[in-house]
Protein backbone atom coordinates (compact mmCIF):
# COMPACT_ATOMS: atom_id res chain seq x y z
CA MET A 1 -10.52 32.28 -15.65
CA TRP A 2 -8.89 28.87 -14.88
CA ALA A 3 -5.59 30.06 -15.61
CA TRP A 4 -6.13 32.81 -12.56
CA TRP A 5 -7.94 29.95 -10.54
CA PHE A 6 -4.70 27.90 -10.94
CA LYS A 7 -2.16 30.52 -9.96
CA ASN A 8 -4.21 31.51 -7.15
CA TYR A 9 -4.43 27.78 -5.90
CA LEU A 10 -0.53 27.26 -6.64
CA ASN A 11 -0.03 30.53 -4.13
CA ARG A 12 -1.77 29.07 -1.49
CA PHE A 13 -0.32 25.53 -1.84
CA VAL A 14 3.40 25.98 -2.36
CA SER A 15 5.17 26.98 0.68
CA ILE A 16 8.32 24.94 -0.17
CA GLY A 17 10.32 25.40 -3.23
CA THR A 18 9.27 26.76 -6.59
CA ILE A 19 6.92 25.91 -9.62
CA LYS A 20 6.96 27.00 -13.23
CA VAL A 21 3.73 26.56 -15.30
CA ASN A 22 3.59 26.62 -18.75
CA LEU A 23 -0.29 27.11 -19.66
CA PRO A 24 -1.88 26.16 -22.83
CA ASN A 25 -1.75 29.61 -24.24
CA GLY A 26 1.56 29.78 -24.26
CA ASN A 27 1.74 31.90 -21.42
CA SER A 28 3.16 30.78 -18.30
CA PHE A 29 4.05 31.96 -14.42
CA THR A 30 6.12 30.85 -11.45
CA VAL A 31 4.93 30.47 -8.11
CA GLY A 32 7.00 29.85 -4.91
CA ASN A 33 10.28 31.69 -2.85
CA GLN A 34 13.62 30.72 -4.94
CA ASP A 35 14.69 32.64 -8.11
CA GLN A 36 15.07 29.26 -10.06
CA PRO A 37 11.90 26.73 -10.42
CA ASP A 38 12.88 23.55 -8.66
CA ILE A 39 10.07 21.82 -11.15
CA THR A 40 8.74 22.81 -14.18
CA ILE A 41 5.35 21.42 -15.49
CA THR A 42 3.02 21.92 -18.92
CA ILE A 43 -0.43 21.93 -19.12
CA HIS A 44 -1.33 21.03 -22.78
CA ASN A 45 -4.93 21.98 -22.93
CA GLN A 46 -7.51 24.09 -21.62
CA LYS A 47 -9.65 21.11 -20.45
CA ALA A 48 -6.89 19.47 -18.38
CA LEU A 49 -6.51 22.85 -16.67
CA ARG A 50 -10.32 23.23 -15.68
CA ARG A 51 -9.87 19.39 -14.24
CA ILE A 52 -6.85 20.13 -12.33
CA CYS A 53 -8.75 23.20 -10.79
CA LEU A 54 -11.57 21.33 -9.78
CA ASN A 55 -10.22 18.33 -8.33
CA PRO A 56 -6.51 18.24 -8.20
CA ASN A 57 -6.38 14.71 -6.59
CA LEU A 58 -7.94 12.79 -9.37
CA ALA A 59 -7.13 15.40 -12.36
CA VAL A 60 -3.29 15.38 -11.77
CA GLY A 61 -2.72 11.61 -12.24
CA GLU A 62 -5.28 11.18 -14.99
CA SER A 63 -3.39 14.50 -16.73
CA TYR A 64 -0.09 12.44 -16.45
CA MET A 65 -1.67 9.49 -17.39
CA ASP A 66 -2.95 10.88 -20.80
CA GLY A 67 0.20 13.15 -21.68
CA ASP A 68 -2.03 16.46 -20.79
CA LEU A 69 0.41 17.18 -18.37
CA THR A 70 4.24 16.83 -18.87
CA ILE A 71 6.97 17.58 -16.55
CA GLU A 72 10.33 19.06 -17.78
CA GLY A 73 12.97 16.17 -17.99
CA ASP A 74 9.81 13.66 -17.57
CA ASP A 75 11.37 14.02 -13.44
CA LEU A 76 7.95 12.34 -12.17
CA LYS A 77 9.58 11.38 -9.00
CA GLY A 78 10.82 15.15 -8.46
CA PHE A 79 7.49 16.40 -8.89
CA LEU A 80 5.57 14.12 -6.49
CA ARG A 81 8.26 14.84 -3.94
CA TYR A 82 7.62 18.49 -4.32
CA ALA A 83 4.00 17.70 -4.33
CA VAL A 84 3.95 15.82 -1.27
CA LYS A 85 6.18 18.31 0.68
CA ASN A 86 3.53 20.80 0.08
CA LEU A 87 0.38 18.80 0.68
CA ASN A 88 -0.61 20.09 4.17
CA HIS A 89 -0.95 23.52 3.05
CA TYR A 90 -3.16 22.32 0.11
CA GLN A 91 -5.22 20.54 3.23
CA ASN A 92 -6.49 24.05 4.14
CA HIS A 93 -7.33 25.41 0.62
CA ILE A 94 -11.24 25.82 0.23
CA VAL A 95 -11.64 23.48 -2.61
CA SER A 96 -9.84 20.80 -0.70
CA GLY A 97 -11.83 21.11 2.65
CA LEU A 98 -14.89 21.30 0.46
CA GLN A 99 -14.06 18.02 -1.20
CA ARG A 100 -13.09 16.55 2.11
CA ARG A 101 -16.09 17.04 4.00
CA LEU A 102 -18.46 16.13 1.09
CA LEU A 103 -16.58 12.61 0.76
CA GLY A 104 -16.51 12.28 4.61
CA LEU A 105 -20.10 12.11 4.76
CA PHE A 106 -19.76 9.08 2.78
CA ARG A 107 -16.72 7.57 4.24
CA LEU A 108 -18.08 4.41 5.82
CA ILE A 109 -20.16 3.91 2.63
CA PHE A 110 -16.88 4.18 0.31
CA GLN A 111 -15.33 1.69 2.58
CA PHE A 112 -18.06 -0.63 3.20
CA ASN A 113 -16.52 -3.86 1.44
CA SER A 114 -18.65 -6.46 1.15
CA LEU A 115 -18.00 -10.24 -0.09
CA VAL A 116 -18.88 -9.49 -3.42
CA GLN A 117 -17.23 -5.96 -3.63
CA SER A 118 -13.89 -7.31 -1.90
CA ARG A 119 -13.77 -9.78 -4.52
CA LYS A 120 -14.21 -7.12 -7.17
CA ASN A 121 -11.70 -4.95 -5.51
CA VAL A 122 -8.91 -7.55 -5.81
CA GLN A 123 -9.44 -8.75 -9.14
CA HIS A 124 -9.30 -4.94 -10.28
CA HIS A 125 -5.49 -4.97 -9.11
CA TYR A 126 -4.49 -8.31 -8.11
CA ASP A 127 -5.67 -10.46 -11.23
CA LEU A 128 -3.59 -8.41 -13.79
CA THR A 129 -1.13 -10.29 -15.47
CA ASP A 130 1.44 -12.15 -14.00
CA ASP A 131 4.14 -10.73 -16.03
CA LEU A 132 3.25 -7.39 -15.27
CA TYR A 133 4.35 -8.15 -11.53
CA ALA A 134 7.40 -10.14 -12.69
CA ALA A 135 8.87 -6.69 -14.07
CA PHE A 136 9.11 -5.32 -10.93
CA LEU A 137 8.86 -7.67 -7.99
CA ASP A 138 11.88 -9.93 -6.60
CA GLU A 139 11.93 -13.54 -7.68
CA ASP A 140 9.42 -14.58 -4.47
CA ARG A 141 6.69 -11.79 -5.41
CA GLN A 142 6.86 -10.26 -2.26
CA TYR A 143 4.36 -7.39 -3.17
CA SER A 144 4.65 -5.92 0.46
CA CYS A 145 7.36 -3.41 2.51
CA ALA A 146 10.69 -5.28 2.44
CA TYR A 147 12.98 -4.78 5.60
CA PHE A 148 16.13 -3.00 5.03
CA HIS A 149 18.44 -3.98 7.91
CA ASP A 150 20.93 -2.75 5.84
CA LYS A 151 20.31 -0.06 3.00
CA ARG A 152 22.93 -1.76 0.92
CA TYR A 153 20.57 -4.53 0.92
CA SER A 154 19.17 -5.84 -2.38
CA LEU A 155 15.59 -6.02 -3.09
CA GLU A 156 15.88 -9.91 -2.50
CA GLU A 157 17.83 -9.69 0.58
CA ALA A 158 15.44 -7.09 1.98
CA GLN A 159 12.46 -9.29 1.45
CA ILE A 160 14.00 -12.39 3.02
CA ALA A 161 14.79 -10.13 6.00
CA LYS A 162 11.32 -8.97 6.11
CA LYS A 163 10.01 -12.51 6.26
CA GLN A 164 12.65 -13.64 8.83
CA HIS A 165 11.32 -10.55 10.84
CA ILE A 166 7.85 -11.43 10.73
CA ALA A 167 8.75 -15.20 11.85
CA LYS A 168 10.54 -14.04 14.54
CA LYS A 169 7.74 -12.21 15.92
CA LEU A 170 5.48 -15.35 15.41
CA LEU A 171 7.62 -17.60 17.39
CA LEU A 172 7.67 -20.53 15.47
CA GLU A 173 7.92 -24.05 16.36
CA PRO A 174 7.89 -26.99 14.14
CA GLY A 175 4.50 -28.33 13.66
CA MET A 176 2.75 -25.35 14.35
CA ARG A 177 -0.66 -24.40 12.09
CA VAL A 178 -0.11 -21.06 10.70
CA LEU A 179 -3.09 -18.85 8.94
CA ASP A 180 -2.19 -16.20 6.44
CA ILE A 181 -5.01 -13.89 5.68
CA GLY A 182 -4.05 -12.28 2.35
CA SER A 183 -1.40 -14.59 1.30
CA GLY A 184 -0.40 -13.15 -2.36
CA TRP A 185 1.90 -15.15 -4.43
CA GLY A 186 2.71 -17.96 -1.66
CA GLY A 187 5.82 -16.78 -0.80
CA LEU A 188 5.62 -15.87 3.20
CA GLY A 189 3.71 -19.13 3.42
CA LEU A 190 6.05 -21.44 2.07
CA THR A 191 8.87 -19.79 3.71
CA LEU A 192 7.28 -20.26 6.87
CA VAL A 193 6.67 -24.02 5.96
CA LYS A 194 10.31 -24.52 4.52
CA ASP A 195 12.27 -22.83 6.94
CA TYR A 196 10.31 -23.03 10.25
CA GLY A 197 8.69 -26.23 9.69
CA ALA A 198 5.19 -24.77 9.85
CA SER A 199 1.84 -25.91 8.22
CA ILE A 200 0.17 -22.96 6.33
CA LEU A 201 -3.45 -22.55 5.25
CA GLY A 202 -3.50 -19.33 2.84
CA LEU A 203 -6.49 -16.98 2.25
CA THR A 204 -6.43 -14.98 -1.00
CA LEU A 205 -9.51 -13.37 -3.35
CA SER A 206 -7.15 -13.55 -6.34
CA THR A 207 -7.51 -16.29 -8.65
CA GLU A 208 -4.05 -15.50 -10.35
CA GLN A 209 -2.58 -15.81 -6.94
CA HIS A 210 -4.54 -18.83 -5.78
CA LYS A 211 -3.29 -20.49 -9.03
CA VAL A 212 0.42 -19.33 -8.46
CA SER A 213 0.92 -20.29 -4.91
CA ASN A 214 -0.94 -23.74 -5.21
CA GLN A 215 1.32 -24.36 -8.27
CA ARG A 216 4.64 -23.42 -6.13
CA ALA A 217 3.58 -25.44 -3.45
CA ILE A 218 3.21 -28.57 -5.92
CA ASN A 219 6.72 -27.74 -7.76
CA GLU A 220 8.36 -27.74 -4.26
CA GLY A 221 7.03 -30.82 -3.00
CA LEU A 222 5.07 -28.92 0.14
CA SER A 223 1.48 -29.08 -1.03
CA ASP A 224 0.59 -31.44 1.86
CA GLN A 225 1.62 -28.40 4.37
CA ALA A 226 0.64 -25.91 2.66
CA GLN A 227 -2.59 -25.17 1.15
CA PHE A 228 -4.08 -21.73 -0.48
CA VAL A 229 -7.71 -21.24 -1.12
CA LEU A 230 -10.12 -18.70 -2.51
CA MET A 231 -11.61 -17.80 0.60
CA ASP A 232 -13.06 -14.60 2.30
CA TYR A 233 -11.57 -14.17 5.94
CA ARG A 234 -15.27 -13.66 6.87
CA LYS A 235 -16.14 -17.56 5.86
CA LEU A 236 -12.98 -18.79 8.09
CA GLU A 237 -13.71 -21.54 10.37
CA GLY A 238 -11.08 -23.63 12.86
CA LYS A 239 -8.30 -22.82 15.03
CA PHE A 240 -4.55 -21.97 14.57
CA ASP A 241 -1.45 -21.42 16.37
CA ARG A 242 -0.36 -18.36 14.60
CA ILE A 243 -1.88 -16.02 12.60
CA VAL A 244 -0.17 -13.60 10.15
CA SER A 245 -1.74 -10.86 7.97
CA VAL A 246 0.73 -8.81 5.52
CA GLY A 247 -0.46 -6.02 3.38
CA MET A 248 -4.00 -7.10 3.30
CA PHE A 249 -5.38 -5.06 6.08
CA GLU A 250 -5.58 -1.98 3.56
CA HIS A 251 -8.58 -3.71 1.83
CA VAL A 252 -10.65 -4.43 4.80
CA GLY A 253 -12.60 -0.95 5.17
CA VAL A 254 -13.22 0.78 8.44
CA PRO A 255 -16.71 -0.44 8.84
CA ASN A 256 -15.35 -4.49 8.82
CA TYR A 257 -12.60 -3.73 11.24
CA ARG A 258 -14.28 -5.31 14.33
CA GLU A 259 -15.06 -8.10 12.29
CA TYR A 260 -11.80 -8.54 10.97
CA PHE A 261 -10.17 -8.66 14.38
CA ARG A 262 -13.08 -11.12 15.50
CA THR A 263 -12.33 -13.28 13.10
CA ILE A 264 -8.44 -13.24 14.56
CA TYR A 265 -9.66 -13.67 18.13
CA ASN A 266 -12.03 -16.57 17.35
CA SER A 267 -9.54 -18.28 15.16
CA LEU A 268 -6.38 -18.05 17.46
CA HIS A 269 -5.87 -20.78 20.16
CA ASP A 270 -5.64 -19.30 23.55
CA ASP A 271 -1.79 -19.41 23.70
CA GLY A 272 -1.59 -18.21 19.90
CA VAL A 273 0.21 -15.41 18.36
CA ALA A 274 -0.75 -13.20 15.63
CA LEU A 275 1.27 -10.61 13.82
CA LEU A 276 -0.70 -7.55 11.62
CA HIS A 277 1.68 -5.89 9.07
CA THR A 278 -0.01 -2.98 7.31
CA ILE A 279 0.29 0.19 5.62
CA GLY A 280 -0.65 2.93 8.38
CA ARG A 281 -1.02 7.13 8.69
CA THR A 282 0.67 8.86 11.51
CA ALA A 283 -1.95 11.20 11.12
CA PRO A 284 -5.80 10.84 12.15
CA PRO A 285 -8.29 9.40 10.13
CA GLY A 286 -8.77 10.68 6.60
CA LEU A 287 -9.77 9.56 3.00
CA THR A 288 -8.06 7.49 0.44
CA ASN A 289 -6.75 9.75 -2.73
CA SER A 290 -9.22 10.03 -5.60
CA TRP A 291 -7.07 8.93 -7.83
CA LEU A 292 -5.40 5.94 -6.23
CA LYS A 293 -9.00 4.96 -5.41
CA LYS A 294 -10.07 4.68 -9.03
CA TYR A 295 -7.41 3.17 -10.90
CA ILE A 296 -5.16 1.15 -8.20
CA PHE A 297 -6.85 0.25 -5.16
CA PRO A 298 -10.71 0.32 -5.39
CA GLY A 299 -12.10 0.12 -1.69
CA GLY A 300 -8.70 0.34 -0.33
CA TYR A 301 -7.86 2.83 2.71
CA VAL A 302 -4.82 3.44 4.87
CA PRO A 303 -5.69 3.37 8.47
CA ALA A 304 -4.49 5.40 11.37
CA LEU A 305 -3.24 3.66 14.29
CA SER A 306 -6.05 4.89 16.32
CA GLU A 307 -8.88 3.70 14.82
CA THR A 308 -7.10 0.37 14.46
CA MET A 309 -6.29 -0.05 18.04
CA GLU A 310 -10.11 0.82 18.98
CA ALA A 311 -11.33 -2.14 16.85
CA ILE A 312 -8.46 -4.56 18.63
CA GLU A 313 -9.08 -3.30 21.89
CA LYS A 314 -13.25 -3.84 21.56
CA GLU A 315 -12.47 -7.29 20.22
CA GLY A 316 -10.47 -8.24 23.40
CA LEU A 317 -6.98 -9.05 21.71
CA VAL A 318 -3.83 -8.08 23.74
CA ILE A 319 -1.41 -5.83 22.07
CA ASN A 320 1.98 -6.87 22.57
CA ASP A 321 4.03 -4.78 20.36
CA VAL A 322 3.78 -2.15 17.77
CA GLU A 323 6.68 -1.23 15.51
CA VAL A 324 6.70 1.41 13.11
CA LEU A 325 8.78 0.65 9.96
CA ARG A 326 9.24 4.07 8.68
CA ILE A 327 11.04 4.84 5.05
CA HIS A 328 11.59 1.02 4.52
CA TYR A 329 8.41 1.10 2.21
CA ALA A 330 9.93 4.02 0.19
CA GLU A 331 13.28 2.24 -0.19
CA THR A 332 11.07 -1.19 -1.46
CA LEU A 333 9.20 1.13 -3.74
CA SER A 334 12.42 2.84 -5.32
CA HIS A 335 13.76 -0.77 -6.02
CA TRP A 336 10.24 -1.49 -7.81
CA PHE A 337 10.22 1.59 -9.92
CA LYS A 338 13.69 1.35 -10.93
CA ARG A 339 12.78 -2.50 -12.14
CA PHE A 340 9.49 -1.30 -13.69
CA GLU A 341 11.46 1.31 -15.60
CA ALA A 342 14.01 -1.16 -16.61
CA ASN A 343 11.32 -3.36 -18.29
CA ILE A 344 8.58 -0.94 -19.44
CA ASP A 345 9.34 -1.67 -22.64
CA ARG A 346 7.84 -5.67 -22.00
CA VAL A 347 4.91 -3.77 -19.99
CA LYS A 348 4.38 -1.80 -23.10
CA LYS A 349 3.76 -5.04 -25.15
CA ILE A 350 1.23 -6.41 -22.63
CA TYR A 351 -0.55 -3.19 -21.89
CA ASP A 352 -0.13 0.19 -23.49
CA GLU A 353 1.92 3.58 -23.11
CA ARG A 354 -0.93 4.90 -20.88
CA PHE A 355 -1.18 2.08 -18.60
CA CYS A 356 2.48 2.41 -18.06
CA ARG A 357 2.20 6.05 -17.06
CA MET A 358 -0.39 5.12 -14.72
CA TRP A 359 2.11 2.64 -13.12
CA ARG A 360 4.79 4.95 -12.95
CA PHE A 361 2.65 7.55 -11.30
CA TYR A 362 1.51 5.10 -9.05
CA LEU A 363 4.60 3.34 -7.94
CA ALA A 364 6.36 7.12 -7.43
CA SER A 365 3.67 8.87 -5.69
CA CYS A 366 3.53 6.00 -3.22
CA GLU A 367 7.02 6.25 -2.68
CA MET A 368 7.07 9.85 -2.01
CA SER A 369 3.97 9.60 0.26
CA PHE A 370 6.44 7.25 2.54
CA ARG A 371 9.50 9.23 1.98
CA GLU A 372 8.35 12.82 2.40
CA GLY A 373 4.38 12.53 3.66
CA ASN A 374 2.63 10.81 6.76
CA ILE A 375 2.70 7.02 5.78
CA VAL A 376 4.23 4.34 7.47
CA VAL A 377 4.15 0.81 7.97
CA PHE A 378 2.60 -0.91 11.39
CA GLN A 379 3.56 -3.98 12.63
CA ILE A 380 1.16 -4.81 15.59
CA GLN A 381 1.71 -8.27 17.28
CA LEU A 382 -1.37 -9.50 19.32
CA SER A 383 -2.33 -12.32 21.59
CA LYS A 384 -5.09 -13.53 23.93
CA LYS A 385 -2.95 -13.32 26.97
CA ASN A 386 -0.29 -10.87 27.93
CA SER A 387 2.03 -13.89 29.02
CA ILE A 388 2.61 -15.54 25.99
CA LEU A 389 5.49 -13.39 24.42
CA PRO A 390 8.72 -12.56 25.94
CA ILE A 391 8.87 -9.56 27.93
CA THR A 392 11.65 -7.61 26.04
CA ARG A 393 12.31 -7.65 22.21
CA ASP A 394 15.75 -9.41 22.69
CA TYR A 395 14.54 -12.41 20.66
CA LEU A 396 13.92 -10.48 17.56
CA TYR A 397 17.73 -9.34 17.48
CA ARG A 398 19.96 -12.11 18.39
């Protein structure tokens, strides 16, 4: 029964290329439009086959983690590239449609990140051991999309270019007070202090990031100008000349969007500038992938530009500029994946084989979503007045 169901499902799903499936009973089948399969997978037991049929969004990743689904040559990226390319057709499948409608009923509940839940969500991902992140990030611990002005850039060069690009959009001047919402390991904030003469207040909910960022400030003799605090943005008081938020908006949750932008409005001086850097989708509002929500980013959601703009407009902020960074994150993730692979034995000593397979699936699936899917990065420049910023983009490229 399940083999028939799976073959029927793949016949609907696959419109590009060909896949061969080896079944638990030793039989196999091929679906697609070519003589030779692009991808060959093996499902090793009936339980995995059944779970994949009932909930592929969750079960494919879990089966790979558990070793119940293997890919010929362990070509994980090839498999996920193939899956993402065919994903639009899956959205029309009856099972996917039922799941989407059911989950859609609870969408706002799933994405309501309270003060307590937000802290738990951050701890789940960002309070993992620092040795894990050292295994694949650049030396500055930039855990967000780099900026590949030149595709030949190293990861370090592209992350420096990202920070410079953001700083230019903030039009920083020495002595300015900057708020960094979601300050990570402190790399961006410390750069704005060292290279641009700003003072920084960074907000994070991660105890590990809080510890590391403040220690970095002390080590570099910048603790008078750079302060990082464990604080939710909803508890913030005070005014700032500039506000920046990189890779944090994805954790806010749709029900909190207006409060988030209200906080930015209330915290920004009248002649201030804010920059939001967030992953986004070029499609209408949707849902978070079940596997990613369970294992990597609980409470996370990739916003559509439409729902983001609606909240910005209602809170009275002026939209000065919107830049869409395409493929940059795919290139960033490609570097991360290579570094993780090179250091995987180190990570296995900290965690285990299953964790490493989970992390490989995470990095590879995200890369293919940016490379082949409808996921991009939005940089949205905001102010309270439309006369604050230059009227052309020339200042960014001098």
